[in-house]
């Protein structure tokens, strides 16, 4: 959907779930799926932290570096919304 909307998207070098939009002049509201909550802008380092943690359903996880909530959303998805963040 992002490429069909005219954005040049490429895979991130380390995160298996990330894509990169090389152009820095991107209006966030123009990214397909953003307003619907299907995609969430996040730097690759935060994606890797969430993936490396490997949170499981039912666990208790504290994110001491929480900012806008990107890692928290990723962790909640890993935990299938079962546990405490």
N, C-alpha and C. Protein backbone atom coordinates (compact mmCIF):
# COMPACT_ATOMS: atom_id res chain seq x y z
N UNK A 1 0.82 -1.20 0.00
CA UNK A 1 0.00 0.00 0.00
C UNK A 1 0.86 1.26 0.00
N UNK A 2 1.99 1.20 0.69
CA UNK A 2 2.85 2.38 0.76
C UNK A 2 3.49 2.66 -0.60
N UNK A 3 3.97 1.63 -1.25
CA UNK A 3 4.56 1.84 -2.58
C UNK A 3 3.52 2.26 -3.60
N UNK A 4 2.32 1.67 -3.52
CA UNK A 4 1.27 2.05 -4.49
C UNK A 4 0.81 3.48 -4.29
N UNK A 5 1.07 4.06 -3.09
CA UNK A 5 0.73 5.46 -2.84
C UNK A 5 1.84 6.39 -3.32
N UNK A 6 2.90 5.81 -3.92
CA UNK A 6 3.95 6.64 -4.49
C UNK A 6 5.17 6.85 -3.59
N UNK A 7 5.24 6.15 -2.47
CA UNK A 7 6.39 6.28 -1.59
C UNK A 7 7.45 5.25 -1.97
N UNK A 8 8.70 5.67 -1.95
CA UNK A 8 9.81 4.74 -2.16
C UNK A 8 10.09 4.11 -0.80
N UNK A 9 9.81 2.84 -0.67
CA UNK A 9 10.02 2.13 0.60
C UNK A 9 11.06 1.05 0.40
N UNK A 10 11.91 0.88 1.42
CA UNK A 10 12.91 -0.17 1.37
C UNK A 10 12.98 -0.86 2.73
N UNK A 11 13.49 -2.07 2.75
CA UNK A 11 13.63 -2.80 4.02
C UNK A 11 14.68 -2.13 4.89
N UNK A 12 14.49 -2.23 6.20
CA UNK A 12 15.52 -1.76 7.11
C UNK A 12 16.64 -2.80 7.15
N UNK A 13 17.88 -2.37 7.41
CA UNK A 13 18.99 -3.32 7.34
C UNK A 13 18.99 -4.38 8.45
N UNK A 14 18.41 -4.10 9.61
CA UNK A 14 18.49 -5.05 10.73
C UNK A 14 17.14 -5.58 11.20
N UNK A 15 16.14 -4.74 11.28
CA UNK A 15 14.84 -5.18 11.78
C UNK A 15 14.07 -5.94 10.70
N UNK A 16 13.60 -7.14 11.01
CA UNK A 16 12.85 -7.91 10.02
C UNK A 16 11.43 -7.38 9.79
N UNK A 17 10.97 -6.46 10.63
CA UNK A 17 9.60 -5.94 10.49
C UNK A 17 9.57 -4.48 10.05
N UNK A 18 10.73 -3.90 9.76
CA UNK A 18 10.78 -2.47 9.45
C UNK A 18 10.89 -2.17 7.98
N UNK A 19 10.39 -1.00 7.62
CA UNK A 19 10.62 -0.44 6.29
C UNK A 19 11.12 0.98 6.50
N UNK A 20 11.83 1.47 5.51
CA UNK A 20 12.38 2.82 5.58
C UNK A 20 11.86 3.62 4.39
N UNK A 21 11.46 4.85 4.67
CA UNK A 21 11.09 5.78 3.62
C UNK A 21 12.28 6.73 3.47
N UNK A 22 13.08 6.59 2.40
CA UNK A 22 14.31 7.37 2.27
C UNK A 22 14.09 8.89 2.28
N UNK A 23 12.98 9.35 1.76
CA UNK A 23 12.72 10.79 1.73
C UNK A 23 12.34 11.28 3.12
N UNK A 24 13.02 12.31 3.60
CA UNK A 24 12.72 12.87 4.92
C UNK A 24 11.55 13.85 4.86
N UNK A 25 11.19 14.25 3.68
CA UNK A 25 10.10 15.22 3.52
C UNK A 25 8.78 14.49 3.30
N UNK A 26 8.36 13.72 4.29
CA UNK A 26 7.13 12.95 4.20
C UNK A 26 6.14 13.47 5.23
N UNK A 27 4.97 13.88 4.76
CA UNK A 27 3.90 14.27 5.68
C UNK A 27 3.34 13.00 6.29
N UNK A 28 3.44 12.86 7.61
CA UNK A 28 3.02 11.63 8.26
C UNK A 28 1.57 11.26 7.94
N UNK A 29 0.70 12.24 7.86
CA UNK A 29 -0.70 11.98 7.56
C UNK A 29 -0.93 11.40 6.19
N UNK A 30 0.08 11.50 5.32
CA UNK A 30 -0.06 10.99 3.96
C UNK A 30 0.36 9.52 3.86
N UNK A 31 0.91 8.96 4.92
CA UNK A 31 1.35 7.56 4.88
C UNK A 31 0.14 6.65 5.02
N UNK A 32 -0.10 5.77 4.03
CA UNK A 32 -1.25 4.87 4.10
C UNK A 32 -1.21 3.99 5.34
N UNK A 33 -2.32 3.91 6.04
CA UNK A 33 -2.45 3.06 7.20
C UNK A 33 -2.12 3.74 8.52
N UNK A 34 -1.53 4.93 8.49
CA UNK A 34 -1.14 5.59 9.73
C UNK A 34 -2.36 6.01 10.55
N UNK A 35 -3.29 6.66 9.93
CA UNK A 35 -4.49 7.12 10.66
C UNK A 35 -5.35 5.97 11.13
N UNK A 36 -5.30 4.85 10.43
CA UNK A 36 -6.09 3.67 10.81
C UNK A 36 -5.39 2.83 11.88
N UNK A 37 -4.14 3.16 12.19
CA UNK A 37 -3.40 2.41 13.19
C UNK A 37 -2.74 1.15 12.67
N UNK A 38 -2.64 1.00 11.36
CA UNK A 38 -2.03 -0.19 10.77
C UNK A 38 -0.51 -0.09 10.80
N UNK A 39 0.02 1.13 10.64
CA UNK A 39 1.47 1.36 10.70
C UNK A 39 1.75 2.39 11.79
N UNK A 40 2.97 2.34 12.31
CA UNK A 40 3.38 3.25 13.37
C UNK A 40 4.83 3.64 13.12
N UNK A 41 5.12 4.93 12.92
CA UNK A 41 6.52 5.34 12.71
C UNK A 41 7.35 5.03 13.96
N UNK A 42 8.49 4.42 13.75
CA UNK A 42 9.35 4.06 14.86
C UNK A 42 10.76 3.86 14.31
N UNK A 43 11.76 4.31 15.07
CA UNK A 43 13.12 4.11 14.59
C UNK A 43 13.49 2.63 14.71
N UNK A 44 14.46 2.23 13.91
CA UNK A 44 14.82 0.82 13.84
C UNK A 44 15.37 0.31 15.18
N UNK A 45 16.09 1.15 15.91
CA UNK A 45 16.62 0.74 17.21
C UNK A 45 15.52 0.33 18.17
N UNK A 46 14.43 1.08 18.19
CA UNK A 46 13.31 0.74 19.07
C UNK A 46 12.66 -0.57 18.65
N UNK A 47 12.57 -0.79 17.34
CA UNK A 47 12.02 -2.06 16.85
C UNK A 47 12.88 -3.21 17.34
N UNK A 48 14.20 -3.04 17.26
CA UNK A 48 15.11 -4.11 17.66
C UNK A 48 15.03 -4.39 19.16
N UNK A 49 14.93 -3.34 19.97
CA UNK A 49 14.81 -3.53 21.42
C UNK A 49 13.58 -4.39 21.73
N UNK A 50 12.45 -4.04 21.13
CA UNK A 50 11.21 -4.79 21.38
C UNK A 50 11.34 -6.24 20.92
N UNK A 51 11.95 -6.45 19.76
CA UNK A 51 12.11 -7.81 19.24
C UNK A 51 13.07 -8.62 20.10
N UNK A 52 14.18 -8.01 20.51
CA UNK A 52 15.18 -8.74 21.31
C UNK A 52 14.67 -9.09 22.70
N UNK A 53 13.78 -8.26 23.24
CA UNK A 53 13.22 -8.56 24.55
C UNK A 53 12.41 -9.86 24.50
N UNK A 54 11.67 -10.06 23.43
CA UNK A 54 10.90 -11.30 23.27
C UNK A 54 9.84 -11.49 24.33
N UNK A 55 9.09 -10.43 24.64
CA UNK A 55 8.05 -10.51 25.67
C UNK A 55 7.01 -11.57 25.30
N UNK A 56 6.55 -12.29 26.32
CA UNK A 56 5.58 -13.37 26.12
C UNK A 56 4.28 -13.05 26.85
N UNK A 57 3.17 -13.61 26.37
CA UNK A 57 1.89 -13.38 27.06
C UNK A 57 1.97 -13.74 28.54
N UNK A 58 1.38 -12.90 29.37
CA UNK A 58 1.34 -13.14 30.80
C UNK A 58 2.50 -12.56 31.58
N UNK A 59 3.52 -12.07 30.90
CA UNK A 59 4.68 -11.51 31.60
C UNK A 59 4.39 -10.09 32.09
N UNK A 60 5.23 -9.62 32.98
CA UNK A 60 5.20 -8.23 33.45
C UNK A 60 6.45 -7.56 32.90
N UNK A 61 6.28 -6.46 32.16
CA UNK A 61 7.39 -5.77 31.52
C UNK A 61 7.31 -4.29 31.87
N UNK A 62 8.45 -3.72 32.26
CA UNK A 62 8.54 -2.29 32.54
C UNK A 62 9.45 -1.66 31.49
N UNK A 63 8.95 -0.66 30.80
CA UNK A 63 9.73 0.06 29.79
C UNK A 63 10.17 1.38 30.40
N UNK A 64 11.37 1.42 30.93
CA UNK A 64 11.88 2.63 31.57
C UNK A 64 12.29 3.70 30.56
N UNK A 65 12.32 3.35 29.29
CA UNK A 65 12.69 4.31 28.25
C UNK A 65 11.49 4.67 27.38
N UNK A 66 10.29 4.55 27.92
CA UNK A 66 9.09 4.81 27.13
C UNK A 66 9.02 6.28 26.74
N UNK A 67 8.70 6.52 25.50
CA UNK A 67 8.52 7.88 25.00
C UNK A 67 7.09 8.01 24.52
N UNK A 68 6.95 7.96 23.20
CA UNK A 68 5.62 8.10 22.59
C UNK A 68 4.83 6.79 22.61
N UNK A 69 5.46 5.71 23.01
CA UNK A 69 4.73 4.45 23.16
C UNK A 69 4.94 3.43 22.06
N UNK A 70 5.88 3.67 21.15
CA UNK A 70 6.10 2.73 20.04
C UNK A 70 6.56 1.36 20.51
N UNK A 71 7.56 1.33 21.40
CA UNK A 71 8.03 0.04 21.92
C UNK A 71 6.93 -0.63 22.73
N UNK A 72 6.18 0.17 23.49
CA UNK A 72 5.11 -0.39 24.30
C UNK A 72 4.07 -1.06 23.42
N UNK A 73 3.71 -0.44 22.30
CA UNK A 73 2.76 -1.06 21.37
C UNK A 73 3.32 -2.35 20.80
N UNK A 74 4.61 -2.35 20.45
CA UNK A 74 5.23 -3.55 19.90
C UNK A 74 5.25 -4.66 20.95
N UNK A 75 5.57 -4.31 22.19
CA UNK A 75 5.60 -5.31 23.25
C UNK A 75 4.21 -5.87 23.53
N UNK A 76 3.20 -5.01 23.53
CA UNK A 76 1.83 -5.46 23.75
C UNK A 76 1.40 -6.44 22.66
N UNK A 77 1.81 -6.18 21.43
CA UNK A 77 1.48 -7.10 20.33
C UNK A 77 2.17 -8.44 20.54
N UNK A 78 3.44 -8.42 20.96
CA UNK A 78 4.16 -9.67 21.23
C UNK A 78 3.48 -10.46 22.34
N UNK A 79 2.95 -9.74 23.32
CA UNK A 79 2.32 -10.38 24.48
C UNK A 79 0.85 -10.71 24.22
N UNK A 80 0.39 -10.41 23.01
CA UNK A 80 -1.01 -10.66 22.61
C UNK A 80 -1.99 -10.01 23.58
N UNK A 81 -1.60 -8.82 24.07
CA UNK A 81 -2.41 -8.04 25.00
C UNK A 81 -2.74 -8.81 26.29
N UNK A 82 -1.89 -9.75 26.66
CA UNK A 82 -2.07 -10.51 27.89
C UNK A 82 -0.81 -10.37 28.73
N UNK A 83 -0.90 -9.57 29.78
CA UNK A 83 0.25 -9.31 30.64
C UNK A 83 0.16 -7.89 31.15
N UNK A 84 1.24 -7.42 31.73
CA UNK A 84 1.28 -6.06 32.26
C UNK A 84 2.47 -5.32 31.69
N UNK A 85 2.19 -4.13 31.19
CA UNK A 85 3.24 -3.25 30.68
C UNK A 85 3.27 -1.99 31.49
